[in-house]
Amino acid sequence: MVAAVNLRKVAIVLIALQCIGISQAMATAPKPTPKTTTTKKIATPSKPKKAVAKKVPLKKKVTTTKKTKVLAPKKITATKKKVAVAKKKVVQPPHIYHKAVPKRVQPSPKPKWPPVGYTSIGSAYARVPTGAELIGILSAMKNPTAAINSCALDPKNPSAPAYACAAILVGSTEKCTWWRISATITGIDPSTPTARVSLGDLTTFENGAAAKTIQTIFLVSPVPLQTGIRFTAIHALCGIGPSTDPVPSTSFTVASSATPTPSPSPSPSNS
């Protein structure tokens, strides 16, 4: 215990000594006189302020559901002012009357001579027309005779008889006073359908015409119109001068026996 008290005292004494030493030193040292110093304020460049972008509030899109009526543009009609224009006097020139000059009528062209496709003996020519040509000839006739009308069935009078007919085109380099046409009419053999028999001979006299004139002569027979009738061995004769037979006229001679007959082309001849 004694030792502990002594150590405590020693420590207190040491602390006291330290305090004395400090105070003495502070007492002996002269007090420094403060120097007056002038201090200049240096203006430091102020840092540029950063530009701060202001946020502009965005306008909200306003969507309207209301339908807007679109009005059509109005038509603007400009009213033009009428300007009175003086009418010009139209001076009509005096009318000059000209005498009518008669135009010369061109004559119809002459047919080609000699005719093409005709059978000729001397100066006479003959040809059997085709079906189409015959129809055209009949349609061109204004007033066909009753004999020609009997060559076809009459739809208005079905009970009227119809007869077998044919036609021939004839012409001559010289003027013919009359024509004599002869032909043999044949038909189907009833016993042998593949064979043909003579039904009779037909002779027709017709008035002639001027030189280089094609005329149509119809051959009307008394044979009833039926299937298989043919006019064969046709022969045309150009007559000059008076005829001993009546003109026009037609005669038919019935065949005495059925004999096969050929069918040659028509042959004209001069009298």
C-alpha atoms as a PDB file:
ATOM      1  CA  MET A   1       0.000   0.000   0.000  1.00  0.00           C
ATOM      2  CA  VAL A   2       2.848   2.393   0.918  1.00  0.00           C
ATOM      3  CA  ALA A   3       4.559   1.703  -2.351  1.00  0.00           C
ATOM      4  CA  ALA A   4       1.428   2.426  -4.306  1.00  0.00           C
ATOM      5  CA  VAL A   5       0.939   5.739  -2.509  1.00  0.00           C
ATOM      6  CA  ASN A   6       4.494   6.712  -3.269  1.00  0.00           C
ATOM      7  CA  LEU A   7       4.168   6.014  -6.929  1.00  0.00           C
ATOM      8  CA  ARG A   8       1.048   8.122  -7.008  1.00  0.00           C
ATOM      9  CA  LYS A   9       2.834  11.014  -5.449  1.00  0.00           C
ATOM     10  CA  VAL A  10       5.743  10.718  -7.779  1.00  0.00           C
ATOM     11  CA  ALA A  11       3.330  10.839 -10.729  1.00  0.00           C
ATOM     12  CA  ILE A  12       1.605  13.915  -9.361  1.00  0.00           C
ATOM     13  CA  VAL A  13       4.955  15.616  -8.803  1.00  0.00           C
ATOM     14  CA  LEU A  14       6.037  14.879 -12.360  1.00  0.00           C
ATOM     15  CA  ILE A  15       2.796  16.268 -13.755  1.00  0.00           C
ATOM     16  CA  ALA A  16       3.201  19.380 -11.646  1.00  0.00           C
ATOM     17  CA  LEU A  17       6.762  19.874 -12.890  1.00  0.00           C
ATOM     18  CA  GLN A  18       5.660  19.616 -16.438  1.00  0.00           C
ATOM     19  CA  CYS A  19       3.018  22.211 -15.865  1.00  0.00           C
ATOM     20  CA  ILE A  20       5.549  24.606 -14.275  1.00  0.00           C
ATOM     21  CA  GLY A  21       7.980  24.172 -17.105  1.00  0.00           C
ATOM     22  CA  ILE A  22       5.367  25.006 -19.645  1.00  0.00           C
ATOM     23  CA  SER A  23       4.197  28.109 -17.861  1.00  0.00           C
ATOM     24  CA  GLN A  24       7.787  29.402 -17.457  1.00  0.00           C
ATOM     25  CA  ALA A  25       8.564  28.969 -21.029  1.00  0.00           C
ATOM     26  CA  MET A  26       5.469  30.808 -21.970  1.00  0.00           C
ATOM     27  CA  ALA A  27       6.370  33.616 -19.555  1.00  0.00           C
ATOM     28  CA  THR A  28       9.923  34.111 -20.812  1.00  0.00           C
ATOM     29  CA  ALA A  29       9.222  34.109 -24.551  1.00  0.00           C
ATOM     30  CA  PRO A  30       8.497  37.605 -25.969  1.00  0.00           C
ATOM     31  CA  LYS A  31       5.160  38.093 -27.497  1.00  0.00           C
ATOM     32  CA  PRO A  32       5.373  38.382 -31.271  1.00  0.00           C
ATOM     33  CA  THR A  33       3.996  41.557 -32.799  1.00  0.00           C
ATOM     34  CA  PRO A  34       1.655  40.743 -35.591  1.00  0.00           C
ATOM     35  CA  LYS A  35       2.671  42.128 -38.967  1.00  0.00           C
ATOM     36  CA  THR A  36       0.114  43.974 -40.927  1.00  0.00           C
ATOM     37  CA  THR A  37      -0.248  42.334 -44.237  1.00  0.00           C
ATOM     38  CA  THR A  38      -2.375  43.584 -47.094  1.00  0.00           C
ATOM     39  CA  THR A  39      -4.083  40.923 -49.006  1.00  0.00           C
ATOM     40  CA  LYS A  40      -5.405  41.548 -52.491  1.00  0.00           C
ATOM     41  CA  LYS A  41      -8.433  39.779 -53.501  1.00  0.00           C
ATOM     42  CA  ILE A  42      -7.864  38.018 -56.769  1.00  0.00           C
ATOM     43  CA  ALA A  43     -11.020  37.723 -58.775  1.00  0.00           C
ATOM     44  CA  THR A  44     -11.192  34.235 -59.925  1.00  0.00           C
ATOM     45  CA  PRO A  45     -12.947  33.807 -63.268  1.00  0.00           C
ATOM     46  CA  SER A  46     -16.319  32.534 -62.681  1.00  0.00           C
ATOM     47  CA  LYS A  47     -17.029  29.314 -64.378  1.00  0.00           C
ATOM     48  CA  PRO A  48     -19.611  29.591 -67.158  1.00  0.00           C
ATOM     49  CA  LYS A  49     -22.849  28.293 -66.125  1.00  0.00           C
ATOM     50  CA  LYS A  50     -23.981  25.276 -68.045  1.00  0.00           C
ATOM     51  CA  ALA A  51     -27.041  25.843 -70.147  1.00  0.00           C
ATOM     52  CA  VAL A  52     -29.792  23.843 -68.745  1.00  0.00           C
ATOM     53  CA  ALA A  53     -32.334  22.777 -71.367  1.00  0.00           C
ATOM     54  CA  LYS A  54     -35.719  23.476 -70.124  1.00  0.00           C
ATOM     55  CA  LYS A  55     -38.129  20.715 -70.650  1.00  0.00           C
ATOM     56  CA  VAL A  56     -41.055  21.944 -72.676  1.00  0.00           C
ATOM     57  CA  PRO A  57     -44.115  19.952 -71.945  1.00  0.00           C
ATOM     58  CA  LEU A  58     -45.381  18.217 -75.115  1.00  0.00           C
ATOM     59  CA  LYS A  59     -48.880  19.003 -76.207  1.00  0.00           C
ATOM     60  CA  LYS A  60     -51.100  16.075 -76.054  1.00  0.00           C
ATOM     61  CA  LYS A  61     -52.833  15.071 -79.301  1.00  0.00           C
ATOM     62  CA  VAL A  62     -56.479  15.645 -79.026  1.00  0.00           C
ATOM     63  CA  THR A  63     -58.425  13.102 -81.027  1.00  0.00           C
ATOM     64  CA  THR A  64     -62.000  13.898 -81.731  1.00  0.00           C
ATOM     65  CA  THR A  65     -64.421  11.302 -82.833  1.00  0.00           C
ATOM     66  CA  LYS A  66     -66.833  13.819 -84.259  1.00  0.00           C
ATOM     67  CA  LYS A  67     -67.350  13.614 -88.035  1.00  0.00           C
ATOM     68  CA  THR A  68     -66.688  16.835 -89.843  1.00  0.00           C
ATOM     69  CA  LYS A  69     -68.830  17.661 -92.823  1.00  0.00           C
ATOM     70  CA  VAL A  70     -66.875  18.543 -95.945  1.00  0.00           C
ATOM     71  CA  LEU A  71     -68.662  21.219 -97.871  1.00  0.00           C
ATOM     72  CA  ALA A  72     -68.314  21.147-101.655  1.00  0.00           C
ATOM     73  CA  PRO A  73     -66.860  24.330-103.082  1.00  0.00           C
ATOM     74  CA  LYS A  74     -69.505  26.588-104.403  1.00  0.00           C
ATOM     75  CA  LYS A  75     -69.487  27.209-108.116  1.00  0.00           C
ATOM     76  CA  ILE A  76     -68.725  30.748-108.880  1.00  0.00           C
ATOM     77  CA  THR A  77     -70.470  31.813-112.040  1.00  0.00           C
ATOM     78  CA  ALA A  78     -68.991  34.833-113.602  1.00  0.00           C
ATOM     79  CA  THR A  79     -71.501  36.943-115.361  1.00  0.00           C
ATOM     80  CA  LYS A  80     -70.139  38.182-118.636  1.00  0.00           C
ATOM     81  CA  LYS A  81     -71.245  41.485-119.812  1.00  0.00           C
ATOM     82  CA  LYS A  82     -72.762  41.411-123.229  1.00  0.00           C
ATOM     83  CA  VAL A  83     -70.988  43.673-125.611  1.00  0.00           C
ATOM     84  CA  ALA A  84     -73.074  44.967-128.430  1.00  0.00           C
ATOM     85  CA  VAL A  85     -71.363  44.101-131.702  1.00  0.00           C
ATOM     86  CA  ALA A  86     -72.470  45.778-134.824  1.00  0.00           C
ATOM     87  CA  LYS A  87     -73.647  43.227-137.373  1.00  0.00           C
ATOM     88  CA  LYS A  88     -71.874  43.305-140.652  1.00  0.00           C
ATOM     89  CA  LYS A  89     -73.956  43.566-143.724  1.00  0.00           C
ATOM     90  CA  VAL A  90     -73.594  40.492-145.894  1.00  0.00           C
ATOM     91  CA  VAL A  91     -73.453  41.459-149.498  1.00  0.00           C
ATOM     92  CA  GLN A  92     -74.678  38.590-151.647  1.00  0.00           C
ATOM     93  CA  PRO A  93     -73.137  38.427-155.072  1.00  0.00           C
ATOM     94  CA  PRO A  94     -75.546  38.268-157.972  1.00  0.00           C
ATOM     95  CA  HIS A  95     -76.487  34.705-158.900  1.00  0.00           C
ATOM     96  CA  ILE A  96     -75.258  33.625-162.294  1.00  0.00           C
ATOM     97  CA  TYR A  97     -77.346  31.006-163.984  1.00  0.00           C
ATOM     98  CA  HIS A  98     -75.445  28.512-166.071  1.00  0.00           C
ATOM     99  CA  LYS A  99     -76.989  26.447-168.742  1.00  0.00           C
ATOM    100  CA  ALA A 100     -77.209  22.757-167.970  1.00  0.00           C
ATOM    101  CA  VAL A 101     -74.639  20.847-169.921  1.00  0.00           C
ATOM    102  CA  PRO A 102     -75.972  17.438-170.911  1.00  0.00           C
ATOM    103  CA  LYS A 103     -73.691  14.652-169.787  1.00  0.00           C
ATOM    104  CA  ARG A 104     -72.926  11.967-172.227  1.00  0.00           C
ATOM    105  CA  VAL A 105     -74.190   8.602-171.023  1.00  0.00           C
ATOM    106  CA  GLN A 106     -71.524   5.985-171.278  1.00  0.00           C
ATOM    107  CA  PRO A 107     -72.772   2.923-173.149  1.00  0.00           C
ATOM    108  CA  SER A 108     -72.737  -0.378-171.297  1.00  0.00           C
ATOM    109  CA  PRO A 109     -69.572  -2.304-171.983  1.00  0.00           C
ATOM    110  CA  LYS A 110     -69.880  -4.933-174.647  1.00  0.00           C
ATOM    111  CA  PRO A 111     -69.557  -8.508-173.485  1.00  0.00           C
ATOM    112  CA  LYS A 112     -66.306 -10.243-174.188  1.00  0.00           C
ATOM    113  CA  TRP A 113     -66.412 -12.044-177.466  1.00  0.00           C
ATOM    114  CA  PRO A 114     -66.030 -14.876-178.059  1.00  0.00           C
ATOM    115  CA  PRO A 115     -67.649 -15.872-174.736  1.00  0.00           C
ATOM    116  CA  VAL A 116     -65.540 -17.963-172.368  1.00  0.00           C
ATOM    117  CA  GLY A 117     -66.658 -21.508-171.516  1.00  0.00           C
ATOM    118  CA  TYR A 118     -69.059 -21.909-174.465  1.00  0.00           C
ATOM    119  CA  THR A 119     -69.123 -24.719-177.004  1.00  0.00           C
ATOM    120  CA  SER A 120     -68.882 -23.312-180.527  1.00  0.00           C
ATOM    121  CA  ILE A 121     -69.533 -24.553-184.059  1.00  0.00           C
ATOM    122  CA  GLY A 122     -68.704 -21.898-186.610  1.00  0.00           C
ATOM    123  CA  SER A 123     -70.083 -18.584-185.408  1.00  0.00           C
ATOM    124  CA  ALA A 124     -72.688 -20.068-182.985  1.00  0.00           C
ATOM    125  CA  TYR A 125     -72.027 -20.538-179.241  1.00  0.00           C
ATOM    126  CA  ALA A 126     -74.009 -22.416-176.567  1.00  0.00           C
ATOM    127  CA  ARG A 127     -73.674 -23.350-172.890  1.00  0.00           C
ATOM    128  CA  VAL A 128     -75.903 -24.855-170.194  1.00  0.00           C
ATOM    129  CA  PRO A 129     -76.037 -22.506-167.176  1.00  0.00           C
ATOM    130  CA  THR A 130     -75.348 -23.672-163.658  1.00  0.00           C
ATOM    131  CA  GLY A 131     -78.047 -23.818-161.003  1.00  0.00           C
ATOM    132  CA  ALA A 132     -76.870 -20.562-159.418  1.00  0.00           C
ATOM    133  CA  GLU A 133     -76.831 -18.810-162.800  1.00  0.00           C
ATOM    134  CA  LEU A 134     -80.338 -20.069-163.575  1.00  0.00           C
ATOM    135  CA  ILE A 135     -81.653 -18.760-160.246  1.00  0.00           C
ATOM    136  CA  GLY A 136     -80.106 -15.372-161.003  1.00  0.00           C
ATOM    137  CA  ILE A 137     -81.679 -15.324-164.484  1.00  0.00           C
ATOM    138  CA  LEU A 138     -85.118 -16.196-163.113  1.00  0.00           C
ATOM    139  CA  SER A 139     -84.898 -13.588-160.337  1.00  0.00           C
ATOM    140  CA  ALA A 140     -83.981 -10.913-162.895  1.00  0.00           C
ATOM    141  CA  MET A 141     -87.113 -11.620-164.971  1.00  0.00           C
ATOM    142  CA  LYS A 142     -89.816  -9.068-164.190  1.00  0.00           C
ATOM    143  CA  ASN A 143     -92.735 -10.893-165.784  1.00  0.00           C
ATOM    144  CA  PRO A 144     -91.983 -14.592-166.323  1.00  0.00           C
ATOM    145  CA  THR A 145     -94.430 -16.418-168.539  1.00  0.00           C
ATOM    146  CA  ALA A 146     -96.909 -18.982-167.272  1.00  0.00           C
ATOM    147  CA  ALA A 147     -94.852 -21.745-168.908  1.00  0.00           C
ATOM    148  CA  ILE A 148     -91.782 -20.779-166.899  1.00  0.00           C
ATOM    149  CA  ASN A 149     -93.861 -20.504-163.723  1.00  0.00           C
ATOM    150  CA  SER A 150     -94.917 -24.132-164.256  1.00  0.00           C
ATOM    151  CA  CYS A 151     -91.280 -25.289-163.894  1.00  0.00           C
ATOM    152  CA  ALA A 152     -91.563 -25.206-160.093  1.00  0.00           C
ATOM    153  CA  LEU A 153     -94.137 -26.139-157.489  1.00  0.00           C
ATOM    154  CA  ASP A 154     -96.425 -23.308-156.395  1.00  0.00           C
ATOM    155  CA  PRO A 155     -96.547 -23.187-152.570  1.00  0.00           C
ATOM    156  CA  LYS A 156     -99.844 -21.276-152.756  1.00  0.00           C
ATOM    157  CA  ASN A 157    -101.362 -23.945-155.003  1.00  0.00           C
ATOM    158  CA  PRO A 158     -99.732 -27.323-154.208  1.00  0.00           C
ATOM    159  CA  SER A 159    -102.221 -29.212-156.406  1.00  0.00           C
ATOM    160  CA  ALA A 160    -101.037 -27.351-159.561  1.00  0.00           C
ATOM    161  CA  PRO A 161     -98.823 -29.580-161.777  1.00  0.00           C
ATOM    162  CA  ALA A 162     -95.113 -28.830-162.215  1.00  0.00           C
ATOM    163  CA  TYR A 163     -93.027 -29.903-165.198  1.00  0.00           C
ATOM    164  CA  ALA A 164     -89.382 -30.672-165.906  1.00  0.00           C
ATOM    165  CA  CYS A 165     -87.582 -27.700-167.440  1.00  0.00           C
ATOM    166  CA  ALA A 166     -84.095 -26.646-168.490  1.00  0.00           C
ATOM    167  CA  ALA A 167     -82.344 -23.600-169.951  1.00  0.00           C
ATOM    168  CA  ILE A 168     -79.550 -22.881-172.423  1.00  0.00           C
ATOM    169  CA  LEU A 169     -77.432 -19.783-173.122  1.00  0.00           C
ATOM    170  CA  VAL A 170     -76.887 -19.090-176.828  1.00  0.00           C
ATOM    171  CA  GLY A 171     -75.215 -16.438-178.934  1.00  0.00           C
ATOM    172  CA  SER A 172     -73.761 -15.909-182.389  1.00  0.00           C
ATOM    173  CA  THR A 173     -71.259 -13.682-184.129  1.00  0.00           C
ATOM    174  CA  GLU A 174     -73.929 -12.973-186.746  1.00  0.00           C
ATOM    175  CA  LYS A 175     -77.519 -11.913-186.171  1.00  0.00           C
ATOM    176  CA  CYS A 176     -79.879 -14.882-185.672  1.00  0.00           C
ATOM    177  CA  THR A 177     -83.500 -14.530-186.807  1.00  0.00           C
ATOM    178  CA  TRP A 178     -84.570 -17.511-184.741  1.00  0.00           C
ATOM    179  CA  TRP A 179     -83.132 -20.369-182.678  1.00  0.00           C
ATOM    180  CA  ARG A 180     -84.012 -24.055-182.783  1.00  0.00           C
ATOM    181  CA  ILE A 181     -83.115 -26.030-179.633  1.00  0.00           C
ATOM    182  CA  SER A 182     -83.480 -29.820-179.543  1.00  0.00           C
ATOM    183  CA  ALA A 183     -82.879 -32.081-176.505  1.00  0.00           C
ATOM    184  CA  THR A 184     -83.561 -35.634-175.317  1.00  0.00           C
ATOM    185  CA  ILE A 185     -85.162 -36.075-171.884  1.00  0.00           C
ATOM    186  CA  THR A 186     -84.086 -39.130-169.866  1.00  0.00           C
ATOM    187  CA  GLY A 187     -85.153 -40.604-166.566  1.00  0.00           C
ATOM    188  CA  ILE A 188     -84.429 -43.499-164.187  1.00  0.00           C
ATOM    189  CA  ASP A 189     -85.303 -46.984-165.497  1.00  0.00           C
ATOM    190  CA  PRO A 190     -88.010 -48.378-163.147  1.00  0.00           C
ATOM    191  CA  SER A 191     -86.775 -51.959-163.637  1.00  0.00           C
ATOM    192  CA  THR A 192     -83.091 -51.114-163.128  1.00  0.00           C
ATOM    193  CA  PRO A 193     -82.512 -48.046-160.927  1.00  0.00           C
ATOM    194  CA  THR A 194     -78.862 -47.802-162.021  1.00  0.00           C
ATOM    195  CA  ALA A 195     -79.818 -47.475-165.727  1.00  0.00           C
ATOM    196  CA  ARG A 196     -81.482 -44.616-167.550  1.00  0.00           C
ATOM    197  CA  VAL A 197     -84.153 -44.633-170.256  1.00  0.00           C
ATOM    198  CA  SER A 198     -85.219 -42.054-172.873  1.00  0.00           C
ATOM    199  CA  LEU A 199     -88.567 -40.393-172.150  1.00  0.00           C
ATOM    200  CA  GLY A 200     -88.826 -38.390-175.394  1.00  0.00           C
ATOM    201  CA  ASP A 201     -87.412 -35.630-177.608  1.00  0.00           C
ATOM    202  CA  LEU A 202     -88.111 -31.940-177.075  1.00  0.00           C
ATOM    203  CA  THR A 203     -87.859 -29.255-179.797  1.00  0.00           C
ATOM    204  CA  THR A 204     -88.148 -25.539-179.018  1.00  0.00           C
ATOM    205  CA  PHE A 205     -88.209 -22.575-181.424  1.00  0.00           C
ATOM    206  CA  GLU A 206     -87.389 -19.092-180.069  1.00  0.00           C
ATOM    207  CA  ASN A 207     -86.854 -15.647-181.570  1.00  0.00           C
ATOM    208  CA  GLY A 208     -83.249 -14.624-182.212  1.00  0.00           C
ATOM    209  CA  ALA A 209     -81.283 -11.555-181.179  1.00  0.00           C
ATOM    210  CA  ALA A 210     -78.611  -9.188-182.475  1.00  0.00           C
ATOM    211  CA  ALA A 211     -75.073 -10.332-183.198  1.00  0.00           C
ATOM    212  CA  LYS A 212     -72.810 -11.042-180.198  1.00  0.00           C
ATOM    213  CA  THR A 213     -75.791 -11.102-177.843  1.00  0.00           C
ATOM    214  CA  ILE A 214     -76.156 -13.803-175.206  1.00  0.00           C
ATOM    215  CA  GLN A 215     -79.764 -14.795-174.632  1.00  0.00           C
ATOM    216  CA  THR A 216     -81.422 -17.392-172.404  1.00  0.00           C
ATOM    217  CA  ILE A 217     -83.830 -19.905-173.922  1.00  0.00           C
ATOM    218  CA  PHE A 218     -86.002 -21.975-171.557  1.00  0.00           C
ATOM    219  CA  LEU A 219     -86.881 -25.572-172.420  1.00  0.00           C
ATOM    220  CA  VAL A 220     -90.266 -26.447-170.930  1.00  0.00           C
ATOM    221  CA  SER A 221     -91.311 -30.098-171.295  1.00  0.00           C
ATOM    222  CA  PRO A 222     -94.633 -31.852-170.655  1.00  0.00           C
ATOM    223  CA  VAL A 223     -92.852 -34.444-168.475  1.00  0.00           C
ATOM    224  CA  PRO A 224     -93.966 -34.189-164.814  1.00  0.00           C
ATOM    225  CA  LEU A 225     -91.294 -32.885-162.467  1.00  0.00           C
ATOM    226  CA  GLN A 226     -89.645 -35.808-160.680  1.00  0.00           C
ATOM    227  CA  THR A 227     -86.312 -36.929-159.332  1.00  0.00           C
ATOM    228  CA  GLY A 228     -83.723 -38.078-161.883  1.00  0.00           C
ATOM    229  CA  ILE A 229     -84.915 -36.090-164.931  1.00  0.00           C
ATOM    230  CA  ARG A 230     -82.132 -34.919-167.253  1.00  0.00           C
ATOM    231  CA  PHE A 231     -81.919 -32.965-170.515  1.00  0.00           C
ATOM    232  CA  THR A 232     -79.241 -34.526-172.719  1.00  0.00           C
ATOM    233  CA  ALA A 233     -77.971 -34.268-176.320  1.00  0.00           C
ATOM    234  CA  ILE A 234     -78.851 -30.555-176.434  1.00  0.00           C
ATOM    235  CA  HIS A 235     -78.314 -29.039-179.893  1.00  0.00           C
ATOM    236  CA  ALA A 236     -78.715 -25.309-180.772  1.00  0.00           C
ATOM    237  CA  LEU A 237     -79.278 -24.065-184.337  1.00  0.00           C
ATOM    238  CA  CYS A 238     -78.996 -20.367-185.332  1.00  0.00           C
ATOM    239  CA  GLY A 239     -81.521 -19.634-188.118  1.00  0.00           C
ATOM    240  CA  ILE A 240     -81.057 -16.815-190.613  1.00  0.00           C
ATOM    241  CA  GLY A 241     -84.095 -15.880-192.640  1.00  0.00           C
ATOM    242  CA  PRO A 242     -87.729 -17.021-192.308  1.00  0.00           C
ATOM    243  CA  SER A 243     -88.617 -20.282-190.520  1.00  0.00           C
ATOM    244  CA  THR A 244     -91.053 -22.960-191.758  1.00  0.00           C
ATOM    245  CA  ASP A 245     -92.052 -23.703-188.118  1.00  0.00           C
ATOM    246  CA  PRO A 246     -93.964 -21.343-185.845  1.00  0.00           C
ATOM    247  CA  VAL A 247     -91.744 -19.149-183.675  1.00  0.00           C
ATOM    248  CA  PRO A 248     -91.969 -19.369-180.704  1.00  0.00           C
ATOM    249  CA  SER A 249     -93.244 -22.941-180.243  1.00  0.00           C
ATOM    250  CA  THR A 250     -92.479 -26.234-178.419  1.00  0.00           C
ATOM    251  CA  SER A 251     -93.096 -29.843-179.461  1.00  0.00           C
ATOM    252  CA  PHE A 252     -92.446 -33.139-177.657  1.00  0.00           C
ATOM    253  CA  THR A 253     -92.186 -36.659-179.117  1.00  0.00           C
ATOM    254  CA  VAL A 254     -92.603 -39.525-176.656  1.00  0.00           C
ATOM    255  CA  ALA A 255     -89.957 -42.253-176.952  1.00  0.00           C
ATOM    256  CA  SER A 256     -91.257 -45.582-178.359  1.00  0.00           C
ATOM    257  CA  SER A 257     -88.872 -47.740-176.325  1.00  0.00           C
ATOM    258  CA  ALA A 258     -86.670 -47.223-173.307  1.00  0.00           C
ATOM    259  CA  THR A 259     -83.098 -47.029-174.495  1.00  0.00           C
ATOM    260  CA  PRO A 260     -80.038 -45.824-172.608  1.00  0.00           C
ATOM    261  CA  THR A 261     -78.883 -42.372-173.755  1.00  0.00           C
ATOM    262  CA  PRO A 262     -75.610 -40.532-173.252  1.00  0.00           C
ATOM    263  CA  SER A 263     -75.472 -37.012-171.870  1.00  0.00           C
ATOM    264  CA  PRO A 264     -73.088 -34.905-174.072  1.00  0.00           C
ATOM    265  CA  SER A 265     -72.599 -31.132-173.837  1.00  0.00           C
ATOM    266  CA  PRO A 266     -74.896 -28.897-175.924  1.00  0.00           C
ATOM    267  CA  SER A 267     -73.705 -28.374-179.503  1.00  0.00           C
ATOM    268  CA  PRO A 268     -74.758 -25.263-181.479  1.00  0.00           C
ATOM    269  CA  SER A 269     -74.868 -25.080-185.245  1.00  0.00           C
ATOM    270  CA  ASN A 270     -75.593 -22.555-187.965  1.00  0.00           C
ATOM    271  CA  SER A 271     -78.430 -23.112-190.444  1.00  0.00           C
END
